[in-house]
Protein backbone atom coordinates (compact mmCIF):
# COMPACT_ATOMS: atom_id res chain seq x y z
CA MET A 1 -19.63 191.54 67.07
CA PRO A 2 -17.17 190.04 64.97
CA SER A 3 -14.81 192.75 62.78
CA GLY A 4 -15.56 192.12 58.65
CA ARG A 5 -12.03 190.21 57.91
CA LEU A 6 -12.90 187.33 60.33
CA PRO A 7 -15.04 185.11 58.23
CA GLY A 8 -12.30 185.63 55.40
CA ALA A 9 -9.37 184.12 58.05
CA CYS A 10 -11.78 181.40 59.30
CA TRP A 11 -12.42 180.00 55.45
CA MET A 12 -8.37 180.66 55.14
CA SER A 13 -8.05 178.11 58.36
CA LEU A 14 -10.45 176.12 57.00
CA VAL A 15 -8.57 175.49 53.35
CA PHE A 16 -5.49 175.21 54.84
CA LEU A 17 -7.09 172.07 57.10
CA LEU A 18 -8.51 170.87 53.87
CA LEU A 19 -4.92 171.08 51.73
CA ILE A 20 -3.05 169.12 54.72
CA GLY A 21 -5.63 166.53 54.79
CA CYS A 22 -5.10 166.20 50.39
CA LEU A 23 -1.38 166.05 51.45
CA LEU A 24 -0.99 163.70 53.71
CA PRO A 25 0.18 160.49 52.87
CA ALA A 26 -1.65 156.59 52.34
CA GLY A 27 -0.27 155.47 55.31
CA VAL A 28 -2.81 158.15 57.73
CA HIS A 29 -6.04 157.06 56.68
CA GLY A 30 -5.11 153.79 57.52
CA GLN A 31 -3.48 151.63 54.73
CA TYR A 32 -0.61 150.92 56.34
CA SER A 33 -0.59 148.13 59.28
CA LEU A 34 2.00 147.40 61.96
CA ARG A 35 2.15 143.34 62.57
CA PHE A 36 3.86 140.48 65.05
CA GLU A 37 5.41 137.55 63.86
CA PRO A 38 4.71 134.25 65.60
CA GLN A 39 1.34 136.03 67.01
CA ASP A 40 -0.09 135.00 69.88
CA LEU A 41 3.20 132.81 71.46
CA VAL A 42 3.03 129.87 73.78
CA VAL A 43 6.49 130.12 75.87
CA PRO A 44 7.20 127.79 78.94
CA ASP A 45 8.22 129.38 82.05
CA GLY A 46 11.43 131.28 82.37
CA GLY A 47 12.14 130.49 78.65
CA SER A 48 12.83 133.08 75.71
CA ILE A 49 11.31 133.74 73.00
CA SER A 50 12.12 136.17 69.79
CA VAL A 51 9.62 138.17 68.42
CA ASN A 52 9.73 139.78 64.71
CA CYS A 53 8.22 143.96 64.71
CA SER A 54 7.79 144.54 60.80
CA THR A 55 5.14 147.41 58.82
CA ASP A 56 4.81 148.69 55.33
CA CYS A 57 5.48 151.60 55.43
CA PRO A 58 8.11 152.66 52.44
CA HIS A 59 9.51 154.62 55.33
CA PRO A 60 9.40 153.96 59.14
CA GLN A 61 11.13 155.67 62.03
CA SER A 62 11.96 153.77 65.48
CA PHE A 63 10.62 150.79 66.57
CA HIS A 64 9.71 150.63 69.85
CA LEU A 65 8.67 147.23 72.11
CA GLU A 66 7.31 147.84 75.15
CA THR A 67 7.22 145.44 78.08
CA PHE A 68 8.07 144.37 81.60
CA LEU A 69 9.98 141.66 80.20
CA PRO A 70 13.91 141.51 79.57
CA LYS A 71 14.85 142.73 76.32
CA LYS A 72 17.60 143.10 73.69
CA SER A 73 17.43 143.90 69.74
CA LEU A 74 18.90 141.61 67.77
CA GLY A 75 18.80 143.34 64.25
CA GLN A 76 17.20 145.83 62.38
CA GLY A 77 15.79 146.54 58.94
CA LEU A 78 14.37 149.29 57.14
CA ARG A 79 10.77 147.56 57.59
CA TRP A 80 11.25 145.77 60.38
CA ALA A 81 13.24 145.15 64.11
CA ALA A 82 14.20 142.15 66.14
CA PHE A 83 14.02 141.32 69.74
CA GLN A 84 14.52 139.06 71.82
CA LEU A 85 12.58 138.41 75.53
CA SER A 86 14.15 136.63 78.46
CA ASN A 87 12.87 135.07 81.79
CA VAL A 88 9.48 134.74 80.78
CA THR A 89 7.74 133.87 84.01
CA ASN A 90 4.16 135.16 83.42
CA ASP A 91 1.47 135.97 80.84
CA SER A 92 2.01 139.10 79.54
CA GLN A 93 1.05 141.17 76.50
CA ILE A 94 3.94 142.95 74.79
CA LEU A 95 3.46 145.91 72.35
CA CYS A 96 5.31 147.13 69.36
CA SER A 97 5.12 151.14 67.87
CA SER A 98 6.46 152.61 64.82
CA PHE A 99 6.24 156.14 63.36
CA CYS A 100 4.93 156.84 59.75
CA TYR A 101 4.91 159.95 58.18
CA ARG A 102 5.38 161.43 61.95
CA PHE A 103 2.33 159.22 62.83
CA GLN A 104 2.42 156.32 65.25
CA LEU A 105 1.09 152.85 64.18
CA SER A 106 0.95 150.12 66.89
CA THR A 107 0.13 146.57 67.55
CA SER A 108 0.18 143.94 70.28
CA SER A 109 0.32 140.38 70.84
CA ASN A 110 0.12 137.78 74.11
CA ILE A 111 2.23 135.83 75.67
CA THR A 112 0.77 132.19 77.33
CA VAL A 113 3.34 130.80 79.77
CA TYR A 114 2.82 126.98 80.94
CA ARG A 115 4.79 125.04 83.10
CA GLU A 116 6.21 121.73 83.47
CA TRP A 117 4.93 119.54 86.86
CA THR A 118 7.77 118.63 89.27
CA CYS A 119 7.58 116.12 92.06
CA LEU A 120 9.17 118.12 95.20
CA GLU A 121 10.41 116.17 98.34
CA GLY A 122 10.96 118.40 101.61
CA GLY A 123 12.62 117.57 104.81
CA MET A 124 10.27 114.57 107.00
CA ALA A 125 8.78 115.54 110.41
CA LEU A 126 10.54 112.72 113.25
CA GLY A 127 7.90 111.47 115.60
CA GLY A 128 9.32 110.34 118.93
CA GLY A 129 7.81 106.92 118.19
CA GLY A 130 7.72 106.88 114.94
CA GLY A 131 5.04 106.83 112.81
CA GLY A 132 3.73 108.11 109.02
CA VAL A 133 3.85 111.74 107.66
CA THR A 134 2.59 112.74 104.51
CA GLN A 135 3.87 115.31 102.43
CA ALA A 136 2.42 117.19 99.21
CA ALA A 137 4.39 118.30 95.59
CA ARG A 138 3.26 121.71 95.44
CA TYR A 139 3.51 123.59 92.78
CA PRO A 140 2.91 127.80 93.29
CA GLY A 141 0.54 128.40 90.13
CA LYS A 142 -2.10 131.51 89.84
CA GLU A 143 -4.58 129.92 91.47
CA GLY A 144 -2.72 128.39 94.54
CA PRO A 145 -0.33 125.57 95.01
CA TRP A 146 -1.64 122.20 93.49
CA LEU A 147 -1.57 118.85 95.09
CA GLY A 148 -0.28 116.19 93.29
CA ALA A 149 1.84 114.36 94.93
CA MET A 150 2.23 112.42 98.53
CA SER A 151 4.97 110.04 100.69
CA VAL A 152 4.74 108.18 103.67
CA SER A 153 7.25 106.60 105.67
CA TRP A 154 7.56 105.14 109.03
CA ARG A 155 10.23 105.09 111.35
CA LYS A 156 11.40 103.57 114.77
CA GLY A 157 14.04 105.57 116.09
CA HIS A 158 16.84 106.72 112.82
CA LEU A 159 15.72 103.83 111.82
CA ARG A 160 13.90 103.63 108.79
CA LEU A 161 11.47 100.58 108.25
CA TYR A 162 9.04 101.14 105.34
CA GLU A 163 9.04 104.57 102.95
CA THR A 164 6.29 105.22 99.39
CA SER A 165 5.31 107.64 97.43
CA SER A 166 3.58 108.71 94.41
CA CYS A 167 3.68 111.56 92.03
CA SER A 168 1.52 111.27 88.98
CA GLY A 169 -0.29 113.92 87.40
CA PRO A 170 0.78 117.12 85.53
CA PRO A 171 -0.04 120.49 86.75
CA PHE A 172 -2.24 121.64 83.85
CA SER A 173 -5.17 120.28 82.42
CA PRO A 174 -4.58 119.43 78.48
CA ALA A 175 -7.40 121.68 76.49
CA LEU A 176 -8.47 118.93 74.09
CA PRO A 177 -11.97 120.42 72.16
CA MET A 178 -14.93 118.14 72.37
CA ARG A 179 -15.41 118.51 68.65
CA PRO A 180 -14.30 115.71 66.64
CA PRO A 181 -11.41 116.19 63.83
CA ARG A 182 -12.08 117.70 60.50
CA LEU A 183 -11.12 114.91 58.07
CA ASP A 184 -10.93 116.33 53.98
CA VAL A 185 -10.98 113.32 51.95
CA PRO A 186 -13.15 113.16 48.47
CA ARG A 187 -16.20 110.85 49.26
CA PHE A 188 -16.10 109.00 45.57
CA LEU A 189 -11.91 108.51 44.64
CA VAL A 190 -10.66 107.64 41.12
CA GLY A 191 -7.22 106.78 39.98
CA THR A 192 -4.41 104.93 42.07
CA SER A 193 -3.97 107.61 45.13
CA CYS A 194 -6.23 108.77 48.13
CA GLN A 195 -4.60 112.31 49.88
CA ALA A 196 -6.54 112.74 53.28
CA ASN A 197 -6.26 115.50 55.62
CA CYS A 198 -6.83 115.85 59.26
CA THR A 199 -7.30 119.06 61.34
CA LEU A 200 -8.28 119.62 64.57
CA ASP A 201 -7.76 123.32 66.43
CA GLY A 202 -8.23 124.51 70.00
CA LEU A 203 -5.19 122.94 71.18
CA PHE A 204 -3.26 122.69 74.52
CA PRO A 205 -0.60 122.18 74.70
CA ALA A 206 -0.83 121.70 70.32
CA SER A 207 3.10 120.11 70.67
CA GLU A 208 1.92 117.22 72.82
CA ALA A 209 -0.97 116.17 70.89
CA GLN A 210 -0.44 112.79 69.02
CA VAL A 211 -2.70 112.06 65.58
CA GLU A 212 -2.90 109.26 63.63
CA LEU A 213 -4.87 108.63 60.39
CA ALA A 214 -5.76 104.83 59.09
CA LEU A 215 -7.56 103.14 55.56
CA GLY A 216 -9.20 100.20 57.23
CA ASP A 217 -7.18 98.55 58.96
CA GLN A 218 -3.80 99.81 57.61
CA THR A 219 -2.20 102.95 59.23
CA LEU A 220 -0.97 105.70 56.89
CA ASN A 221 2.74 107.22 56.67
CA HIS A 222 1.61 110.86 57.44
CA THR A 223 3.63 113.87 57.97
CA VAL A 224 2.15 116.93 60.67
CA GLU A 225 1.87 120.28 60.97
CA ARG A 226 1.61 121.93 64.25
CA ARG A 227 0.66 125.42 64.63
CA LYS A 228 -0.33 127.55 67.62
CA ASP A 229 -2.74 125.78 69.02
CA SER A 230 -3.85 123.07 66.02
CA ILE A 231 -2.19 120.15 65.04
CA THR A 232 -2.93 118.56 60.77
CA ALA A 233 -1.55 115.10 59.73
CA THR A 234 -1.54 115.05 55.47
CA ALA A 235 -1.61 111.43 54.01
CA THR A 236 -1.24 109.84 50.97
CA SER A 237 -1.99 106.17 50.01
CA THR A 238 -1.98 104.25 46.84
CA TRP A 239 -4.91 101.37 46.06
CA SER A 240 -4.53 98.37 42.77
CA ALA A 241 -7.70 98.23 40.61
CA GLU A 242 -8.15 95.07 42.79
CA GLN A 243 -9.36 97.23 45.95
CA GLU A 244 -12.41 98.91 44.38
CA GLY A 245 -14.87 99.55 46.37
CA THR A 246 -16.33 101.71 49.67
CA ARG A 247 -13.36 101.99 52.76
CA GLU A 248 -13.66 103.43 55.49
CA ILE A 249 -11.01 106.56 56.43
CA VAL A 250 -10.19 106.98 60.25
CA CYS A 251 -8.45 110.07 61.49
CA THR A 252 -7.55 110.10 65.63
CA VAL A 253 -6.38 112.83 67.66
CA THR A 254 -5.26 112.03 70.98
CA LEU A 255 -3.99 114.25 74.08
CA GLY A 256 -3.72 114.01 78.12
CA GLY A 257 -5.39 110.64 77.31
CA GLU A 258 -8.72 111.81 75.86
CA THR A 259 -8.99 111.15 72.29
CA ARG A 260 -11.27 112.78 69.21
CA GLU A 261 -11.88 110.78 66.13
CA THR A 262 -13.28 111.11 62.52
CA ARG A 263 -14.70 108.70 60.23
CA GLU A 264 -15.17 108.95 56.35
CA ASN A 265 -16.24 106.67 54.10
CA VAL A 266 -14.63 106.80 50.65
CA THR A 267 -15.42 104.68 47.51
CA PHE A 268 -12.47 103.72 45.70
CA TYR A 269 -13.78 102.70 42.00
CA SER A 270 -12.27 102.89 38.63
CA PHE A 271 -13.58 104.99 35.58
CA GLN A 272 -11.25 104.35 32.35
CA GLY A 273 -11.87 106.52 28.83
CA PRO A 274 -14.17 107.54 27.38
CA ILE A 275 -11.62 106.36 24.59
CA LEU A 276 -12.09 107.87 21.35
CA ASN A 277 -10.11 107.00 18.28
CA LEU A 278 -10.75 107.76 14.66
CA SER A 279 -9.20 105.34 11.54
CA GLU A 280 -7.43 108.02 9.73
CA LEU A 281 -7.39 111.11 11.58
CA SER A 282 -6.92 113.20 8.26
CA ALA A 283 -8.52 111.05 5.44
CA PRO A 284 -8.86 112.14 1.31
CA GLU A 285 -12.21 112.87 0.58
CA GLY A 286 -14.10 109.74 -0.31
CA THR A 287 -12.47 107.94 2.45
CA THR A 288 -14.51 105.41 4.69
CA VAL A 289 -13.55 106.46 8.08
CA THR A 290 -14.39 104.28 11.59
CA VAL A 291 -15.13 106.17 14.53
CA THR A 292 -14.96 103.92 17.94
CA CYS A 293 -15.84 104.68 21.07
CA ALA A 294 -14.94 102.30 24.17
CA ALA A 295 -14.90 102.53 27.98
CA GLY A 296 -14.47 100.45 30.82
CA SER A 297 -16.81 97.29 31.24
CA ARG A 298 -19.09 98.60 34.08
CA VAL A 299 -19.89 101.85 31.76
CA GLN A 300 -22.01 102.80 28.68
CA VAL A 301 -21.48 104.80 25.95
CA THR A 302 -23.28 107.20 23.34
CA LEU A 303 -21.26 108.13 20.48
CA ASP A 304 -23.34 110.81 18.69
CA GLY A 305 -24.57 109.94 15.34
CA ALA A 306 -24.04 105.80 16.18
CA PRO A 307 -26.59 103.54 17.23
CA ALA A 308 -27.17 102.73 21.18
CA VAL A 309 -24.80 99.63 22.73
CA ALA A 310 -25.16 97.93 25.63
CA LEU A 311 -23.30 98.20 28.85
CA GLY A 312 -19.40 97.66 28.61
CA GLN A 313 -19.75 97.44 24.78
CA PRO A 314 -18.24 99.83 22.35
CA ALA A 315 -20.42 102.32 19.91
CA GLN A 316 -18.86 102.83 16.47
CA LEU A 317 -19.91 105.09 13.47
CA GLN A 318 -18.70 104.47 9.67
CA LEU A 319 -18.95 107.38 7.32
CA ASN A 320 -17.70 108.22 4.10
CA THR A 321 -16.02 111.30 4.32
CA THR A 322 -16.98 114.15 2.08
CA GLU A 323 -15.54 118.01 1.65
CA THR A 324 -19.07 118.71 4.16
CA ASP A 325 -17.02 116.17 7.15
CA ASP A 326 -13.99 118.17 7.21
CA LYS A 327 -12.73 119.77 11.11
CA ARG A 328 -16.35 118.01 11.75
CA ARG A 329 -16.13 117.32 15.71
CA PHE A 330 -17.38 114.05 16.95
CA PHE A 331 -18.41 113.32 20.95
CA CYS A 332 -18.59 110.21 23.04
CA ASN A 333 -20.12 110.43 26.49
CA ALA A 334 -19.35 107.51 29.08
CA THR A 335 -21.90 107.13 32.12
CA LEU A 336 -20.59 105.42 35.42
CA LYS A 337 -22.47 104.65 38.02
CA VAL A 338 -21.28 104.00 41.54
CA ASP A 339 -22.59 103.06 45.70
CA GLY A 340 -26.29 105.04 43.48
CA MET A 341 -24.25 107.82 42.17
CA THR A 342 -24.04 108.53 38.30
CA LEU A 343 -20.85 109.92 36.77
CA TYR A 344 -20.15 111.34 33.83
CA ARG A 345 -17.12 111.42 31.06
CA ASN A 346 -16.92 113.04 27.83
CA THR A 347 -14.05 113.80 25.09
CA SER A 348 -14.19 114.83 21.42
CA VAL A 349 -12.19 113.91 18.31
CA GLN A 350 -11.75 116.11 15.27
CA LEU A 351 -11.55 114.79 11.75
CA ARG A 352 -9.84 116.79 8.60
CA VAL A 353 -10.96 115.84 5.60
CA LEU A 354 -8.07 116.45 2.95
CA TYR A 355 -10.13 117.96 -0.68
CA GLY A 356 -8.87 119.76 -3.88
CA PRO A 357 -9.23 123.96 -3.94
CA LYS A 358 -12.53 125.64 -5.14
CA ILE A 359 -13.64 129.08 -5.88
CA ASP A 360 -17.36 129.74 -4.09
CA ARG A 361 -18.39 131.54 -7.82
CA ALA A 362 -21.61 133.65 -4.92
CA LYS A 363 -18.19 135.05 -3.32
CA CYS A 364 -16.30 135.49 -6.03
CA PRO A 365 -18.35 137.46 -8.66
CA LYS A 366 -18.08 137.50 -12.85
CA ARG A 367 -18.17 140.75 -13.71
CA LEU A 368 -17.12 143.64 -11.58
CA LYS A 369 -18.12 147.55 -12.51
CA TRP A 370 -15.56 150.31 -10.60
CA LYS A 371 -15.26 153.86 -11.42
CA ASP A 372 -11.00 155.00 -11.57
CA ASN A 373 -9.46 156.42 -8.59
CA THR A 374 -11.90 154.51 -5.94
CA ASN A 375 -10.40 151.89 -3.64
CA HIS A 376 -12.39 148.66 -3.48
CA ILE A 377 -11.21 145.05 -2.04
CA LEU A 378 -11.48 141.93 -4.52
CA GLU A 379 -13.93 139.31 -2.57
CA CYS A 380 -12.70 136.37 -3.88
CA GLN A 381 -12.26 133.49 -1.48
CA ALA A 382 -11.06 130.22 -1.92
CA ARG A 383 -11.51 127.11 0.26
CA GLY A 384 -10.01 123.63 0.21
CA ASN A 385 -7.92 121.70 2.96
CA PRO A 386 -4.98 121.98 2.89
CA ASP A 387 -5.78 125.44 2.69
CA PRO A 388 -5.35 126.74 -1.09
CA HIS A 389 -3.10 129.70 -2.05
CA LEU A 390 -5.42 132.43 -4.52
CA ARG A 391 -4.05 134.80 -7.10
CA CYS A 392 -6.06 136.85 -9.78
CA VAL A 393 -3.73 137.53 -12.92
CA HIS A 394 -4.80 140.01 -15.69
CA GLN A 395 -4.85 137.96 -18.81
CA ARG A 396 -2.86 140.29 -21.20
CA SER A 397 -0.72 142.17 -18.74
CA GLN A 398 0.07 139.76 -15.85
CA LEU A 399 -1.25 142.59 -13.62
CA GLU A 400 -1.85 141.06 -10.36
CA VAL A 401 -5.12 142.46 -8.09
CA PRO A 402 -4.76 141.71 -4.31
CA VAL A 403 -7.16 139.62 -2.86
CA GLY A 404 -9.49 140.47 0.09
CA THR A 405 -7.05 143.53 1.16
CA PRO A 406 -8.20 147.16 -0.38
CA PHE A 407 -6.53 148.77 -3.44
CA LEU A 408 -6.91 151.49 -5.54
CA VAL A 409 -8.61 150.73 -9.19
CA THR A 410 -7.24 152.28 -11.89
CA LEU A 411 -7.59 152.44 -15.49
CA ASN A 412 -5.68 149.66 -16.03
CA TYR A 413 -7.46 147.10 -14.14
CA SER A 414 -9.64 147.26 -16.37
CA GLY A 415 -9.95 143.81 -18.48
CA THR A 416 -10.21 139.52 -17.75
CA TYR A 417 -8.84 138.41 -14.74
CA LEU A 418 -7.94 134.86 -14.34
CA CYS A 419 -8.64 133.28 -10.50
CA ASN A 420 -5.89 130.22 -9.76
CA ALA A 421 -6.37 128.21 -6.46
CA ALA A 422 -3.72 125.90 -5.83
CA SER A 423 -2.44 123.34 -3.06
CA SER A 424 -1.08 120.00 -3.07
CA ARG A 425 -3.94 118.32 -3.96
CA GLY A 426 -4.74 120.35 -7.33
CA THR A 427 -6.05 123.36 -9.09
CA TYR A 428 -9.43 125.11 -10.07
CA ASN A 429 -9.35 128.53 -12.11
CA LEU A 430 -12.14 131.08 -12.42
CA THR A 431 -12.42 134.11 -14.17
CA VAL A 432 -13.42 137.89 -13.46
CA VAL A 433 -14.27 141.03 -15.93
CA MET A 434 -13.27 143.79 -14.18
CA ARG A 435 -14.60 147.08 -16.00
CA VAL A 436 -13.02 150.26 -14.47
CA GLN A 437 -14.83 153.41 -15.67
CA ASP A 438 -13.03 156.84 -16.59
CA SER A 439 -13.96 159.21 -14.18
CA ASN A 440 -13.82 162.01 -17.53
CA SER A 441 -16.64 159.94 -19.67
CA ALA A 442 -19.00 160.99 -17.27
CA VAL A 443 -18.93 164.52 -17.73
CA VAL A 444 -18.59 163.94 -21.51
CA ALA A 445 -21.94 161.22 -21.53
CA LEU A 446 -23.73 163.99 -19.55
CA MET A 447 -22.73 166.96 -21.94
CA VAL A 448 -24.20 164.92 -25.06
CA ALA A 449 -27.22 164.27 -23.59
CA LEU A 450 -27.75 167.31 -22.70
CA VAL A 451 -26.88 168.63 -26.56
CA ILE A 452 -28.68 165.92 -27.79
CA LEU A 453 -32.22 166.57 -25.78
CA GLY A 454 -31.67 170.81 -26.63
CA LEU A 455 -31.77 169.47 -30.29
CA VAL A 456 -34.68 167.36 -29.96
CA THR A 457 -36.45 170.75 -28.16
CA VAL A 458 -35.61 172.97 -30.74
CA LEU A 459 -37.24 170.46 -33.40
CA THR A 460 -39.49 169.96 -31.28
CA ALA A 461 -40.67 173.42 -31.13
CA LEU A 462 -39.89 173.83 -35.21
CA LEU A 463 -42.20 171.04 -36.00
CA TYR A 464 -45.00 172.63 -33.86
CA VAL A 465 -44.63 176.17 -35.13
CA PHE A 466 -44.50 175.54 -39.06
CA VAL A 467 -46.24 172.72 -39.37
CA ILE A 468 -49.39 171.97 -36.75
CA LYS A 469 -49.79 175.57 -35.91
CA ARG A 470 -50.34 176.45 -40.03
CA GLN A 471 -52.63 173.39 -40.78
CA SER A 472 -55.03 174.64 -37.80
CA ASP A 473 -55.36 178.50 -38.59
CA THR A 474 -58.85 180.00 -38.43
CA TYR A 475 -60.81 181.95 -41.43
CA GLN A 476 -63.72 184.68 -40.75
CA VAL A 477 -66.72 184.40 -43.41
CA ASN A 478 -69.24 187.74 -43.72
CA PRO A 479 -72.88 186.81 -42.87
CA ARG A 480 -74.60 186.54 -45.65
CA SER A 481 -76.30 190.09 -47.27
CA PRO A 482 -79.93 190.41 -47.33
CA THR A 483 -79.37 189.78 -51.39
CA TRP A 484 -76.94 187.68 -52.67
CA LEU A 485 -76.06 185.88 -56.14
CA PRO A 486 -75.68 182.16 -56.04
CA LEU A 487 -72.57 181.23 -57.58
CA ARG A 488 -72.50 179.65 -61.07
CA SER A 489 -69.78 178.47 -63.32
CA ARG A 490 -68.67 180.28 -66.28
CA GLN A 491 -69.20 178.58 -70.11
CA PRO A 492 -66.51 179.19 -72.35
CA ASP A 493 -68.22 180.67 -74.73
CA GLN A 494 -69.74 183.32 -72.57
CA ALA A 495 -66.40 184.27 -71.48
CA GLY A 496 -67.23 187.86 -73.16
CA GLY A 497 -70.47 188.78 -72.03
CA GLU A 498 -71.46 190.59 -69.47
CA GLU A 499 -72.21 189.01 -66.37
CA PRO A 500 -75.60 188.87 -65.42
CA SER A 501 -77.44 191.79 -62.98
């Protein structure tokens, strides 16, 4: 049974391993690599080759090249090492390795050897009565000798009567793929030059391959680039407007007596325009401006706002410029049909109208009411072409108010302001009345209102008590007794008499 301390030790070991994994450099996780330059080498029999082994590791250590071929170092830098291999006689594989942060990186490359054929001549076996001897030129390869030559000699005694020999054919079969070359050329071409690229992969040896590019019956000057087992030819041809139409470009690759060919049709065309012109790019307000759109004789043009025109005819539009036409953009579209396909082009131009400055009253209120010690923005805006300069100045104190930017409103800003927009096309004036309220005036007004309200309340109460209440008192009348006497008026002459009982 394990002791109680063993689980703790296991956890400590696990944590230690995790810390090591976190502290390892990025290359350990496969972010750094080792590479050969060049890759997949092709070397003649007995030749030599130079290779370069490099890495993207920041601090690599000790480059090693593993091979059975004779080698020597050509130099070494911080992240590379160069070697020369000599007396290469067989196909082989080479391996380069290095250490990055104590972890090994490795890469490999293949070497392919090819041999030139030779016609071998050996000694003749002499027959006593003369005769013929057949000799084969032998090529020692992996699959055994190659029989590629024959020699026949007729002798009589020591006198050579007749001799013939033949030695033909290489000891290897050139590799030419069955697929045709890839010809990259646009189907439709506009302008005065044509560029074509022809590429074929899977050649061996690529150094023996020949490539040709032709436009119709004209062979094009081209440059050839060979890389490993591929060949690429690039050609540029010029043409004139008289050569418009469909023509054929041919790419031919030849190797070992075999040929691969690709043909492509290219349609050369001229698409001029559209050309969009204004009689005046910057016209004063009220001026008549003519807009014209034109292209080639086989091109259909349309201009926004202009009536439709026939094929090859220019489109025109006239307008009397106003302020609303400033920065107006006109569009012209051109259409050309080539070999059953419709091609499009378009262009545009902008008109500038020169007009005097104006201030929009809707964006610049006539009266403003603000409070003291508050931030506000005077939103007045002026328009015009060229752009006018806008200033708002107090008519008495000449105090200028910032326009379009926040500012602190104080009591001294109260008053009438003259807003002036000026440019080379004239001036425009507008008045703005700004009223700034003192922050204490509101308190005083509130107190006065409260006092008035209190006085009204007191007067209303007094009126109720002394007027309305008094007129509405209630008097109690005793009910009539069983014996009662009606009141009679008293005559003046009976003033001293007794009252009747």
